[in-house]
Amino acid sequence: MNVCPVYRRSGGLSYGATYSGPIGVILDPTFDEHKYSELPYHSSLCGACSNVCPVKIDISEQILKWRRVMANKGYLPLVKKLSFSVAGHVFAKPKEYHAITKLAGPVMNHTPHFLLYNSTLNPWGRERELPDIAKQSFRDWYLKNRSNHD
Protein backbone atom coordinates (compact mmCIF):
# COMPACT_ATOMS: atom_id res chain seq x y z
CA MET A 1 0.00 0.00 0.00
CA ASN A 2 2.90 2.38 0.64
CA VAL A 3 4.08 2.31 -2.97
CA CYS A 4 0.65 2.63 -4.59
CA PRO A 5 0.11 6.18 -5.88
CA VAL A 6 -3.65 5.90 -5.36
CA TYR A 7 -3.67 4.55 -1.80
CA ARG A 8 -0.63 6.55 -0.74
CA ARG A 9 -2.58 9.73 -1.55
CA SER A 10 -6.05 8.66 -0.44
CA GLY A 11 -5.25 6.69 2.70
CA GLY A 12 -5.76 3.09 3.58
CA LEU A 13 -9.43 2.75 4.39
CA SER A 14 -10.89 5.55 2.30
CA TYR A 15 -12.93 3.20 0.13
CA GLY A 16 -14.88 1.52 2.91
CA ALA A 17 -13.42 -1.94 2.43
CA THR A 18 -12.05 -4.24 5.10
CA TYR A 19 -8.67 -4.79 3.47
CA SER A 20 -6.89 -1.73 2.20
CA GLY A 21 -4.49 -1.04 -0.63
CA PRO A 22 -3.96 -2.99 -3.82
CA ILE A 23 -4.16 -6.36 -2.07
CA GLY A 24 -7.57 -5.28 -0.74
CA VAL A 25 -8.67 -4.59 -4.29
CA ILE A 26 -8.13 -8.29 -4.95
CA LEU A 27 -9.51 -9.67 -1.68
CA ASP A 28 -12.55 -7.53 -0.88
CA PRO A 29 -14.59 -8.34 -4.03
CA THR A 30 -14.34 -12.05 -3.15
CA PHE A 31 -16.56 -11.33 -0.13
CA ASP A 32 -19.14 -9.19 -1.96
CA GLU A 33 -18.66 -8.50 -5.68
CA HIS A 34 -21.50 -6.00 -5.91
CA LYS A 35 -20.51 -3.97 -2.84
CA TYR A 36 -16.85 -3.76 -3.91
CA SER A 37 -17.38 -3.66 -7.68
CA GLU A 38 -15.69 -0.25 -7.98
CA LEU A 39 -12.50 -1.19 -6.11
CA PRO A 40 -10.66 -2.59 -9.17
CA TYR A 41 -10.98 0.84 -10.78
CA HIS A 42 -9.21 2.53 -7.86
CA SER A 43 -5.83 1.66 -9.30
CA SER A 44 -3.55 3.21 -11.86
CA LEU A 45 -2.22 -0.26 -12.83
CA CYS A 46 1.30 1.18 -12.65
CA GLY A 47 2.63 -2.13 -11.30
CA ALA A 48 4.44 -0.72 -8.25
CA CYS A 49 2.52 -3.11 -6.00
CA SER A 50 3.56 -6.10 -8.12
CA ASN A 51 7.19 -4.98 -8.06
CA VAL A 52 7.39 -4.89 -4.25
CA CYS A 53 5.18 -7.87 -3.41
CA PRO A 54 7.33 -10.15 -1.22
CA VAL A 55 5.57 -13.29 -2.49
CA LYS A 56 5.67 -12.17 -6.16
CA ILE A 57 1.91 -11.90 -6.71
CA ASP A 58 1.27 -9.97 -9.93
CA ILE A 59 -1.21 -7.71 -8.16
CA SER A 60 -1.74 -5.34 -11.07
CA GLU A 61 -2.63 -8.28 -13.35
CA GLN A 62 -5.11 -9.55 -10.74
CA ILE A 63 -6.67 -6.08 -10.51
CA LEU A 64 -7.01 -5.99 -14.30
CA LYS A 65 -8.74 -9.40 -14.20
CA TRP A 66 -11.17 -8.10 -11.54
CA ARG A 67 -11.95 -5.14 -13.81
CA ARG A 68 -12.91 -7.58 -16.56
CA VAL A 69 -15.10 -9.56 -14.16
CA MET A 70 -16.92 -6.43 -12.98
CA ALA A 71 -17.42 -5.14 -16.52
CA ASN A 72 -18.68 -8.54 -17.76
CA LYS A 73 -21.15 -8.74 -14.89
CA GLY A 74 -22.50 -5.27 -15.68
CA TYR A 75 -21.38 -3.59 -12.46
CA LEU A 76 -19.88 -0.63 -14.30
CA PRO A 77 -22.04 2.50 -13.90
CA LEU A 78 -23.06 4.28 -17.11
CA VAL A 79 -20.96 7.36 -16.29
CA LYS A 80 -17.86 5.19 -15.90
CA LYS A 81 -18.62 3.25 -19.12
CA LEU A 82 -18.89 6.51 -21.04
CA SER A 83 -15.76 7.92 -19.39
CA PHE A 84 -13.72 4.84 -20.31
CA SER A 85 -15.05 4.93 -23.85
CA VAL A 86 -14.05 8.58 -24.30
CA ALA A 87 -10.66 7.97 -22.63
CA GLY A 88 -10.00 4.98 -24.88
CA HIS A 89 -10.75 7.06 -27.95
CA VAL A 90 -8.55 9.97 -26.83
CA PHE A 91 -5.62 7.79 -25.70
CA ALA A 92 -5.66 6.04 -29.09
CA LYS A 93 -5.17 9.34 -30.92
CA PRO A 94 -1.97 11.11 -29.78
CA LYS A 95 -2.79 14.44 -31.46
CA GLU A 96 -6.16 14.61 -29.71
CA TYR A 97 -4.56 13.57 -26.42
CA HIS A 98 -1.91 16.31 -26.61
CA ALA A 99 -4.50 18.93 -27.55
CA ILE A 100 -6.70 17.94 -24.60
CA THR A 101 -3.80 18.00 -22.14
CA LYS A 102 -3.02 21.56 -23.22
CA LEU A 103 -6.64 22.56 -22.57
CA ALA A 104 -7.01 20.72 -19.24
CA GLY A 105 -5.51 23.41 -17.01
CA PRO A 106 -7.52 26.36 -18.35
CA VAL A 107 -10.72 24.29 -18.46
CA MET A 108 -10.28 23.07 -14.86
CA ASN A 109 -9.53 26.61 -13.68
CA HIS A 110 -12.79 27.86 -15.15
CA THR A 111 -15.05 24.90 -14.39
CA PRO A 112 -17.53 25.75 -11.63
CA HIS A 113 -16.82 24.04 -8.30
CA PHE A 114 -20.28 22.42 -8.18
CA LEU A 115 -19.56 20.55 -11.43
CA LEU A 116 -16.15 19.25 -10.36
CA TYR A 117 -17.44 18.09 -6.98
CA ASN A 118 -20.91 16.93 -8.02
CA SER A 119 -21.69 13.79 -6.01
CA THR A 120 -23.25 12.09 -9.03
CA LEU A 121 -20.49 12.89 -11.54
CA ASN A 122 -17.61 12.65 -9.09
CA PRO A 123 -18.44 10.79 -5.86
CA TRP A 124 -14.72 10.60 -5.04
CA GLY A 125 -14.63 14.40 -4.87
CA ARG A 126 -17.21 14.68 -2.11
CA GLU A 127 -14.51 14.64 0.53
CA ARG A 128 -11.37 15.43 -1.49
CA GLU A 129 -9.98 18.33 -3.45
CA LEU A 130 -8.44 17.68 -6.86
CA PRO A 131 -4.71 18.42 -7.04
CA ASP A 132 -3.53 21.42 -9.04
CA ILE A 133 -2.76 20.75 -12.68
CA ALA A 134 0.96 21.03 -13.46
CA LYS A 135 1.91 24.16 -15.35
CA GLN A 136 4.04 22.09 -17.75
CA SER A 137 3.44 18.51 -18.83
CA PHE A 138 6.23 15.96 -18.57
CA ARG A 139 6.13 15.61 -22.35
CA ASP A 140 6.64 19.35 -22.86
CA TRP A 141 9.45 19.38 -20.31
CA TYR A 142 11.09 16.38 -21.98
CA LEU A 143 10.86 17.84 -25.48
CA LYS A 144 12.36 21.11 -24.22
CA ASN A 145 15.20 19.48 -22.25
CA ARG A 146 16.14 16.35 -24.16
CA SER A 147 18.37 18.23 -26.62
CA ASN A 148 20.49 19.31 -23.64
CA HIS A 149 21.53 15.69 -23.04
CA ASP A 150 21.77 14.25 -26.59
C-alpha atoms as a PDB file:
ATOM      1  CA  MET A   1       0.000   0.000   0.000  1.00  0.00           C
ATOM      2  CA  ASN A   2       2.896   2.376   0.643  1.00  0.00           C
ATOM      3  CA  VAL A   3       4.084   2.314  -2.974  1.00  0.00           C
ATOM      4  CA  CYS A   4       0.648   2.629  -4.592  1.00  0.00           C
ATOM      5  CA  PRO A   5       0.112   6.184  -5.883  1.00  0.00           C
ATOM      6  CA  VAL A   6      -3.652   5.896  -5.365  1.00  0.00           C
ATOM      7  CA  TYR A   7      -3.672   4.555  -1.803  1.00  0.00           C
ATOM      8  CA  ARG A   8      -0.626   6.551  -0.740  1.00  0.00           C
ATOM      9  CA  ARG A   9      -2.580   9.727  -1.555  1.00  0.00           C
ATOM     10  CA  SER A  10      -6.049   8.661  -0.435  1.00  0.00           C
ATOM     11  CA  GLY A  11      -5.249   6.695   2.701  1.00  0.00           C
ATOM     12  CA  GLY A  12      -5.758   3.094   3.585  1.00  0.00           C
ATOM     13  CA  LEU A  13      -9.427   2.745   4.390  1.00  0.00           C
ATOM     14  CA  SER A  14     -10.886   5.546   2.303  1.00  0.00           C
ATOM     15  CA  TYR A  15     -12.928   3.198   0.126  1.00  0.00           C
ATOM     16  CA  GLY A  16     -14.883   1.516   2.913  1.00  0.00           C
ATOM     17  CA  ALA A  17     -13.416  -1.935   2.428  1.00  0.00           C
ATOM     18  CA  THR A  18     -12.053  -4.240   5.102  1.00  0.00           C
ATOM     19  CA  TYR A  19      -8.667  -4.786   3.468  1.00  0.00           C
ATOM     20  CA  SER A  20      -6.888  -1.727   2.196  1.00  0.00           C
ATOM     21  CA  GLY A  21      -4.490  -1.037  -0.628  1.00  0.00           C
ATOM     22  CA  PRO A  22      -3.964  -2.987  -3.820  1.00  0.00           C
ATOM     23  CA  ILE A  23      -4.164  -6.359  -2.075  1.00  0.00           C
ATOM     24  CA  GLY A  24      -7.569  -5.284  -0.739  1.00  0.00           C
ATOM     25  CA  VAL A  25      -8.674  -4.588  -4.291  1.00  0.00           C
ATOM     26  CA  ILE A  26      -8.129  -8.290  -4.948  1.00  0.00           C
ATOM     27  CA  LEU A  27      -9.506  -9.673  -1.681  1.00  0.00           C
ATOM     28  CA  ASP A  28     -12.554  -7.535  -0.877  1.00  0.00           C
ATOM     29  CA  PRO A  29     -14.586  -8.345  -4.033  1.00  0.00           C
ATOM     30  CA  THR A  30     -14.337 -12.055  -3.150  1.00  0.00           C
ATOM     31  CA  PHE A  31     -16.558 -11.333  -0.131  1.00  0.00           C
ATOM     32  CA  ASP A  32     -19.141  -9.190  -1.962  1.00  0.00           C
ATOM     33  CA  GLU A  33     -18.663  -8.505  -5.676  1.00  0.00           C
ATOM     34  CA  HIS A  34     -21.497  -6.003  -5.913  1.00  0.00           C
ATOM     35  CA  LYS A  35     -20.507  -3.974  -2.844  1.00  0.00           C
ATOM     36  CA  TYR A  36     -16.855  -3.763  -3.909  1.00  0.00           C
ATOM     37  CA  SER A  37     -17.375  -3.657  -7.675  1.00  0.00           C
ATOM     38  CA  GLU A  38     -15.692  -0.249  -7.976  1.00  0.00           C
ATOM     39  CA  LEU A  39     -12.499  -1.192  -6.113  1.00  0.00           C
ATOM     40  CA  PRO A  40     -10.663  -2.590  -9.166  1.00  0.00           C
ATOM     41  CA  TYR A  41     -10.979   0.837 -10.778  1.00  0.00           C
ATOM     42  CA  HIS A  42      -9.215   2.527  -7.860  1.00  0.00           C
ATOM     43  CA  SER A  43      -5.831   1.656  -9.299  1.00  0.00           C
ATOM     44  CA  SER A  44      -3.554   3.213 -11.863  1.00  0.00           C
ATOM     45  CA  LEU A  45      -2.223  -0.261 -12.830  1.00  0.00           C
ATOM     46  CA  CYS A  46       1.298   1.180 -12.649  1.00  0.00           C
ATOM     47  CA  GLY A  47       2.626  -2.127 -11.297  1.00  0.00           C
ATOM     48  CA  ALA A  48       4.437  -0.722  -8.253  1.00  0.00           C
ATOM     49  CA  CYS A  49       2.516  -3.113  -5.998  1.00  0.00           C
ATOM     50  CA  SER A  50       3.564  -6.096  -8.122  1.00  0.00           C
ATOM     51  CA  ASN A  51       7.193  -4.979  -8.056  1.00  0.00           C
ATOM     52  CA  VAL A  52       7.390  -4.893  -4.250  1.00  0.00           C
ATOM     53  CA  CYS A  53       5.181  -7.868  -3.407  1.00  0.00           C
ATOM     54  CA  PRO A  54       7.332 -10.148  -1.223  1.00  0.00           C
ATOM     55  CA  VAL A  55       5.574 -13.293  -2.494  1.00  0.00           C
ATOM     56  CA  LYS A  56       5.671 -12.175  -6.156  1.00  0.00           C
ATOM     57  CA  ILE A  57       1.913 -11.896  -6.709  1.00  0.00           C
ATOM     58  CA  ASP A  58       1.274  -9.973  -9.932  1.00  0.00           C
ATOM     59  CA  ILE A  59      -1.213  -7.713  -8.164  1.00  0.00           C
ATOM     60  CA  SER A  60      -1.741  -5.341 -11.073  1.00  0.00           C
ATOM     61  CA  GLU A  61      -2.631  -8.279 -13.347  1.00  0.00           C
ATOM     62  CA  GLN A  62      -5.107  -9.549 -10.738  1.00  0.00           C
ATOM     63  CA  ILE A  63      -6.671  -6.075 -10.511  1.00  0.00           C
ATOM     64  CA  LEU A  64      -7.008  -5.986 -14.295  1.00  0.00           C
ATOM     65  CA  LYS A  65      -8.742  -9.396 -14.196  1.00  0.00           C
ATOM     66  CA  TRP A  66     -11.167  -8.095 -11.538  1.00  0.00           C
ATOM     67  CA  ARG A  67     -11.948  -5.141 -13.812  1.00  0.00           C
ATOM     68  CA  ARG A  68     -12.914  -7.578 -16.563  1.00  0.00           C
ATOM     69  CA  VAL A  69     -15.101  -9.564 -14.161  1.00  0.00           C
ATOM     70  CA  MET A  70     -16.916  -6.429 -12.981  1.00  0.00           C
ATOM     71  CA  ALA A  71     -17.424  -5.139 -16.518  1.00  0.00           C
ATOM     72  CA  ASN A  72     -18.682  -8.538 -17.764  1.00  0.00           C
ATOM     73  CA  LYS A  73     -21.147  -8.742 -14.886  1.00  0.00           C
ATOM     74  CA  GLY A  74     -22.496  -5.274 -15.684  1.00  0.00           C
ATOM     75  CA  TYR A  75     -21.377  -3.589 -12.462  1.00  0.00           C
ATOM     76  CA  LEU A  76     -19.876  -0.633 -14.297  1.00  0.00           C
ATOM     77  CA  PRO A  77     -22.041   2.499 -13.898  1.00  0.00           C
ATOM     78  CA  LEU A  78     -23.064   4.283 -17.114  1.00  0.00           C
ATOM     79  CA  VAL A  79     -20.958   7.363 -16.294  1.00  0.00           C
ATOM     80  CA  LYS A  80     -17.862   5.186 -15.903  1.00  0.00           C
ATOM     81  CA  LYS A  81     -18.625   3.255 -19.120  1.00  0.00           C
ATOM     82  CA  LEU A  82     -18.893   6.513 -21.038  1.00  0.00           C
ATOM     83  CA  SER A  83     -15.765   7.924 -19.391  1.00  0.00           C
ATOM     84  CA  PHE A  84     -13.723   4.843 -20.311  1.00  0.00           C
ATOM     85  CA  SER A  85     -15.054   4.928 -23.854  1.00  0.00           C
ATOM     86  CA  VAL A  86     -14.046   8.576 -24.303  1.00  0.00           C
ATOM     87  CA  ALA A  87     -10.663   7.975 -22.626  1.00  0.00           C
ATOM     88  CA  GLY A  88      -9.995   4.976 -24.875  1.00  0.00           C
ATOM     89  CA  HIS A  89     -10.746   7.065 -27.948  1.00  0.00           C
ATOM     90  CA  VAL A  90      -8.551   9.975 -26.833  1.00  0.00           C
ATOM     91  CA  PHE A  91      -5.619   7.792 -25.704  1.00  0.00           C
ATOM     92  CA  ALA A  92      -5.658   6.039 -29.090  1.00  0.00           C
ATOM     93  CA  LYS A  93      -5.172   9.342 -30.919  1.00  0.00           C
ATOM     94  CA  PRO A  94      -1.972  11.107 -29.785  1.00  0.00           C
ATOM     95  CA  LYS A  95      -2.786  14.442 -31.464  1.00  0.00           C
ATOM     96  CA  GLU A  96      -6.157  14.613 -29.714  1.00  0.00           C
ATOM     97  CA  TYR A  97      -4.564  13.572 -26.417  1.00  0.00           C
ATOM     98  CA  HIS A  98      -1.909  16.307 -26.606  1.00  0.00           C
ATOM     99  CA  ALA A  99      -4.503  18.932 -27.546  1.00  0.00           C
ATOM    100  CA  ILE A 100      -6.699  17.937 -24.604  1.00  0.00           C
ATOM    101  CA  THR A 101      -3.797  17.995 -22.141  1.00  0.00           C
ATOM    102  CA  LYS A 102      -3.023  21.564 -23.222  1.00  0.00           C
ATOM    103  CA  LEU A 103      -6.641  22.556 -22.568  1.00  0.00           C
ATOM    104  CA  ALA A 104      -7.015  20.716 -19.243  1.00  0.00           C
ATOM    105  CA  GLY A 105      -5.511  23.409 -17.010  1.00  0.00           C
ATOM    106  CA  PRO A 106      -7.523  26.359 -18.352  1.00  0.00           C
ATOM    107  CA  VAL A 107     -10.715  24.286 -18.461  1.00  0.00           C
ATOM    108  CA  MET A 108     -10.280  23.073 -14.863  1.00  0.00           C
ATOM    109  CA  ASN A 109      -9.525  26.614 -13.685  1.00  0.00           C
ATOM    110  CA  HIS A 110     -12.794  27.863 -15.153  1.00  0.00           C
ATOM    111  CA  THR A 111     -15.046  24.899 -14.394  1.00  0.00           C
ATOM    112  CA  PRO A 112     -17.533  25.751 -11.627  1.00  0.00           C
ATOM    113  CA  HIS A 113     -16.823  24.039  -8.297  1.00  0.00           C
ATOM    114  CA  PHE A 114     -20.281  22.420  -8.182  1.00  0.00           C
ATOM    115  CA  LEU A 115     -19.561  20.546 -11.430  1.00  0.00           C
ATOM    116  CA  LEU A 116     -16.151  19.254 -10.357  1.00  0.00           C
ATOM    117  CA  TYR A 117     -17.443  18.086  -6.984  1.00  0.00           C
ATOM    118  CA  ASN A 118     -20.908  16.934  -8.019  1.00  0.00           C
ATOM    119  CA  SER A 119     -21.687  13.790  -6.006  1.00  0.00           C
ATOM    120  CA  THR A 120     -23.251  12.087  -9.032  1.00  0.00           C
ATOM    121  CA  LEU A 121     -20.493  12.886 -11.536  1.00  0.00           C
ATOM    122  CA  ASN A 122     -17.605  12.650  -9.086  1.00  0.00           C
ATOM    123  CA  PRO A 123     -18.445  10.789  -5.864  1.00  0.00           C
ATOM    124  CA  TRP A 124     -14.722  10.597  -5.041  1.00  0.00           C
ATOM    125  CA  GLY A 125     -14.627  14.401  -4.871  1.00  0.00           C
ATOM    126  CA  ARG A 126     -17.209  14.683  -2.112  1.00  0.00           C
ATOM    127  CA  GLU A 127     -14.506  14.644   0.528  1.00  0.00           C
ATOM    128  CA  ARG A 128     -11.374  15.429  -1.488  1.00  0.00           C
ATOM    129  CA  GLU A 129      -9.979  18.332  -3.455  1.00  0.00           C
ATOM    130  CA  LEU A 130      -8.442  17.683  -6.857  1.00  0.00           C
ATOM    131  CA  PRO A 131      -4.711  18.416  -7.045  1.00  0.00           C
ATOM    132  CA  ASP A 132      -3.535  21.416  -9.040  1.00  0.00           C
ATOM    133  CA  ILE A 133      -2.759  20.745 -12.679  1.00  0.00           C
ATOM    134  CA  ALA A 134       0.957  21.027 -13.463  1.00  0.00           C
ATOM    135  CA  LYS A 135       1.907  24.164 -15.354  1.00  0.00           C
ATOM    136  CA  GLN A 136       4.035  22.090 -17.745  1.00  0.00           C
ATOM    137  CA  SER A 137       3.437  18.509 -18.828  1.00  0.00           C
ATOM    138  CA  PHE A 138       6.228  15.962 -18.570  1.00  0.00           C
ATOM    139  CA  ARG A 139       6.134  15.612 -22.350  1.00  0.00           C
ATOM    140  CA  ASP A 140       6.636  19.355 -22.861  1.00  0.00           C
ATOM    141  CA  TRP A 141       9.453  19.381 -20.313  1.00  0.00           C
ATOM    142  CA  TYR A 142      11.093  16.381 -21.979  1.00  0.00           C
ATOM    143  CA  LEU A 143      10.857  17.845 -25.478  1.00  0.00           C
ATOM    144  CA  LYS A 144      12.359  21.110 -24.218  1.00  0.00           C
ATOM    145  CA  ASN A 145      15.203  19.479 -22.252  1.00  0.00           C
ATOM    146  CA  ARG A 146      16.144  16.346 -24.164  1.00  0.00           C
ATOM    147  CA  SER A 147      18.365  18.229 -26.617  1.00  0.00           C
ATOM    148  CA  ASN A 148      20.491  19.306 -23.644  1.00  0.00           C
ATOM    149  CA  HIS A 149      21.526  15.689 -23.041  1.00  0.00           C
ATOM    150  CA  ASP A 150      21.774  14.252 -26.591  1.00  0.00           C
END
